[in-house]
Amino acid sequence: MRWVYETYGRNHTALCSTVIRYRTKGAVRDVGKALGLPEDMTKLLSSQNSRSA
């Protein structure tokens, strides 16, 4: 944040945020994508997790 303020000035910046609530299955899928896991492995992990919840 400091870098943004110093680079663009406080009068030319704004704060913005998004709140996301994940369900476990969706979170596992997104983490799998981010880690580059194969889609079939991600599906397997997310389905195993939903059974134990």
N, C-alpha and C. Protein backbone atom coordinates (compact mmCIF):
# COMPACT_ATOMS: atom_id res chain seq x y z
N MET A 1 0.83 -1.19 0.00
CA MET A 1 0.00 0.00 0.00
C MET A 1 0.87 1.25 0.00
N ARG A 2 1.92 1.18 0.76
CA ARG A 2 2.80 2.35 0.82
C ARG A 2 3.35 2.68 -0.56
N TRP A 3 3.77 1.64 -1.30
CA TRP A 3 4.32 1.87 -2.63
C TRP A 3 3.28 2.51 -3.54
N VAL A 4 2.04 2.06 -3.48
CA VAL A 4 0.98 2.63 -4.31
C VAL A 4 0.78 4.09 -3.97
N TYR A 5 0.71 4.42 -2.69
CA TYR A 5 0.54 5.82 -2.28
C TYR A 5 1.73 6.67 -2.71
N GLU A 6 2.94 6.14 -2.55
CA GLU A 6 4.13 6.91 -2.92
C GLU A 6 4.23 7.09 -4.44
N THR A 7 3.82 6.08 -5.18
CA THR A 7 3.93 6.13 -6.64
C THR A 7 2.86 7.02 -7.27
N TYR A 8 1.62 6.87 -6.83
CA TYR A 8 0.50 7.57 -7.46
C TYR A 8 -0.07 8.72 -6.64
N GLY A 9 0.31 8.81 -5.38
CA GLY A 9 -0.23 9.85 -4.51
C GLY A 9 -1.56 9.43 -3.91
N ARG A 10 -1.81 9.84 -2.68
CA ARG A 10 -3.04 9.43 -1.99
C ARG A 10 -4.30 9.95 -2.67
N ASN A 11 -4.22 11.06 -3.37
CA ASN A 11 -5.39 11.62 -4.04
C ASN A 11 -5.75 10.88 -5.33
N HIS A 12 -4.88 9.99 -5.78
CA HIS A 12 -5.12 9.26 -7.03
C HIS A 12 -5.23 7.75 -6.80
N THR A 13 -5.49 7.34 -5.59
CA THR A 13 -5.62 5.92 -5.28
C THR A 13 -6.90 5.67 -4.50
N ALA A 14 -7.30 4.41 -4.49
CA ALA A 14 -8.48 4.02 -3.73
C ALA A 14 -8.28 2.60 -3.22
N LEU A 15 -8.97 2.27 -2.17
CA LEU A 15 -8.94 0.91 -1.64
C LEU A 15 -10.18 0.18 -2.11
N CYS A 16 -10.00 -1.06 -2.44
CA CYS A 16 -11.10 -1.89 -2.89
C CYS A 16 -10.86 -3.30 -2.37
N SER A 17 -11.91 -3.98 -1.96
CA SER A 17 -11.74 -5.36 -1.51
C SER A 17 -12.95 -6.19 -1.91
N THR A 18 -12.73 -7.47 -1.95
CA THR A 18 -13.79 -8.42 -2.25
C THR A 18 -13.76 -9.49 -1.18
N VAL A 19 -14.89 -9.80 -0.64
CA VAL A 19 -14.98 -10.85 0.36
C VAL A 19 -15.56 -12.08 -0.32
N ILE A 20 -14.83 -13.15 -0.24
CA ILE A 20 -15.26 -14.41 -0.86
C ILE A 20 -15.40 -15.45 0.22
N ARG A 21 -16.53 -16.12 0.23
CA ARG A 21 -16.73 -17.22 1.16
C ARG A 21 -16.73 -18.51 0.36
N TYR A 22 -15.74 -19.32 0.62
CA TYR A 22 -15.61 -20.58 -0.10
C TYR A 22 -16.29 -21.70 0.66
N ARG A 23 -16.86 -22.58 -0.09
CA ARG A 23 -17.21 -23.88 0.46
C ARG A 23 -15.97 -24.74 0.27
N THR A 24 -15.87 -25.76 1.04
CA THR A 24 -14.66 -26.58 1.03
C THR A 24 -14.35 -27.12 -0.36
N LYS A 25 -15.35 -27.62 -1.05
CA LYS A 25 -15.14 -28.23 -2.36
C LYS A 25 -14.56 -27.21 -3.35
N GLY A 26 -15.13 -26.02 -3.38
CA GLY A 26 -14.64 -24.97 -4.27
C GLY A 26 -13.23 -24.52 -3.91
N ALA A 27 -12.95 -24.45 -2.61
CA ALA A 27 -11.62 -24.05 -2.17
C ALA A 27 -10.57 -25.07 -2.61
N VAL A 28 -10.89 -26.35 -2.47
CA VAL A 28 -9.95 -27.39 -2.87
C VAL A 28 -9.70 -27.32 -4.38
N ARG A 29 -10.74 -27.08 -5.15
CA ARG A 29 -10.57 -26.97 -6.61
C ARG A 29 -9.68 -25.78 -6.97
N ASP A 30 -9.90 -24.63 -6.34
CA ASP A 30 -9.09 -23.45 -6.65
C ASP A 30 -7.64 -23.65 -6.24
N VAL A 31 -7.41 -24.26 -5.10
CA VAL A 31 -6.03 -24.52 -4.65
C VAL A 31 -5.36 -25.50 -5.61
N GLY A 32 -6.10 -26.53 -6.04
CA GLY A 32 -5.55 -27.47 -7.00
C GLY A 32 -5.14 -26.81 -8.30
N LYS A 33 -5.97 -25.90 -8.79
CA LYS A 33 -5.64 -25.15 -10.01
C LYS A 33 -4.39 -24.30 -9.80
N ALA A 34 -4.34 -23.61 -8.66
CA ALA A 34 -3.21 -22.73 -8.38
C ALA A 34 -1.90 -23.52 -8.26
N LEU A 35 -1.98 -24.74 -7.76
CA LEU A 35 -0.78 -25.57 -7.61
C LEU A 35 -0.46 -26.36 -8.87
N GLY A 36 -1.33 -26.27 -9.86
CA GLY A 36 -1.09 -26.98 -11.11
C GLY A 36 -1.37 -28.47 -11.04
N LEU A 37 -2.22 -28.89 -10.13
CA LEU A 37 -2.57 -30.30 -10.03
C LEU A 37 -3.46 -30.70 -11.20
N PRO A 38 -3.36 -31.94 -11.64
CA PRO A 38 -4.24 -32.40 -12.71
C PRO A 38 -5.70 -32.31 -12.27
N GLU A 39 -6.58 -32.06 -13.22
CA GLU A 39 -8.00 -31.86 -12.91
C GLU A 39 -8.62 -33.10 -12.25
N ASP A 40 -8.22 -34.30 -12.70
CA ASP A 40 -8.79 -35.50 -12.09
C ASP A 40 -8.38 -35.65 -10.63
N MET A 41 -7.14 -35.26 -10.29
CA MET A 41 -6.70 -35.34 -8.91
C MET A 41 -7.46 -34.31 -8.06
N THR A 42 -7.66 -33.12 -8.61
CA THR A 42 -8.39 -32.09 -7.89
C THR A 42 -9.82 -32.54 -7.63
N LYS A 43 -10.46 -33.15 -8.62
CA LYS A 43 -11.82 -33.66 -8.42
C LYS A 43 -11.85 -34.74 -7.36
N LEU A 44 -10.87 -35.62 -7.38
CA LEU A 44 -10.81 -36.69 -6.39
C LEU A 44 -10.65 -36.11 -4.99
N LEU A 45 -9.75 -35.16 -4.83
CA LEU A 45 -9.54 -34.54 -3.51
C LEU A 45 -10.79 -33.81 -3.02
N SER A 46 -11.44 -33.09 -3.91
CA SER A 46 -12.62 -32.32 -3.49
C SER A 46 -13.78 -33.24 -3.14
N SER A 47 -13.90 -34.37 -3.84
CA SER A 47 -14.99 -35.29 -3.52
C SER A 47 -14.73 -36.04 -2.22
N GLN A 48 -13.46 -36.34 -1.93
CA GLN A 48 -13.12 -36.99 -0.66
C GLN A 48 -13.38 -36.05 0.49
N ASN A 49 -13.07 -34.79 0.29
CA ASN A 49 -13.25 -33.81 1.37
C ASN A 49 -14.72 -33.61 1.68
N SER A 50 -15.59 -33.61 0.68
CA SER A 50 -17.00 -33.37 0.91
C SER A 50 -17.64 -34.54 1.65
N ARG A 51 -17.11 -35.75 1.48
CA ARG A 51 -17.65 -36.90 2.20
C ARG A 51 -17.33 -36.86 3.67
N SER A 52 -16.16 -36.29 4.02
CA SER A 52 -15.78 -36.27 5.42
C SER A 52 -16.34 -35.08 6.18
N ALA A 53 -16.93 -34.11 5.45
CA ALA A 53 -17.46 -32.90 6.11
C ALA A 53 -18.82 -33.13 6.70
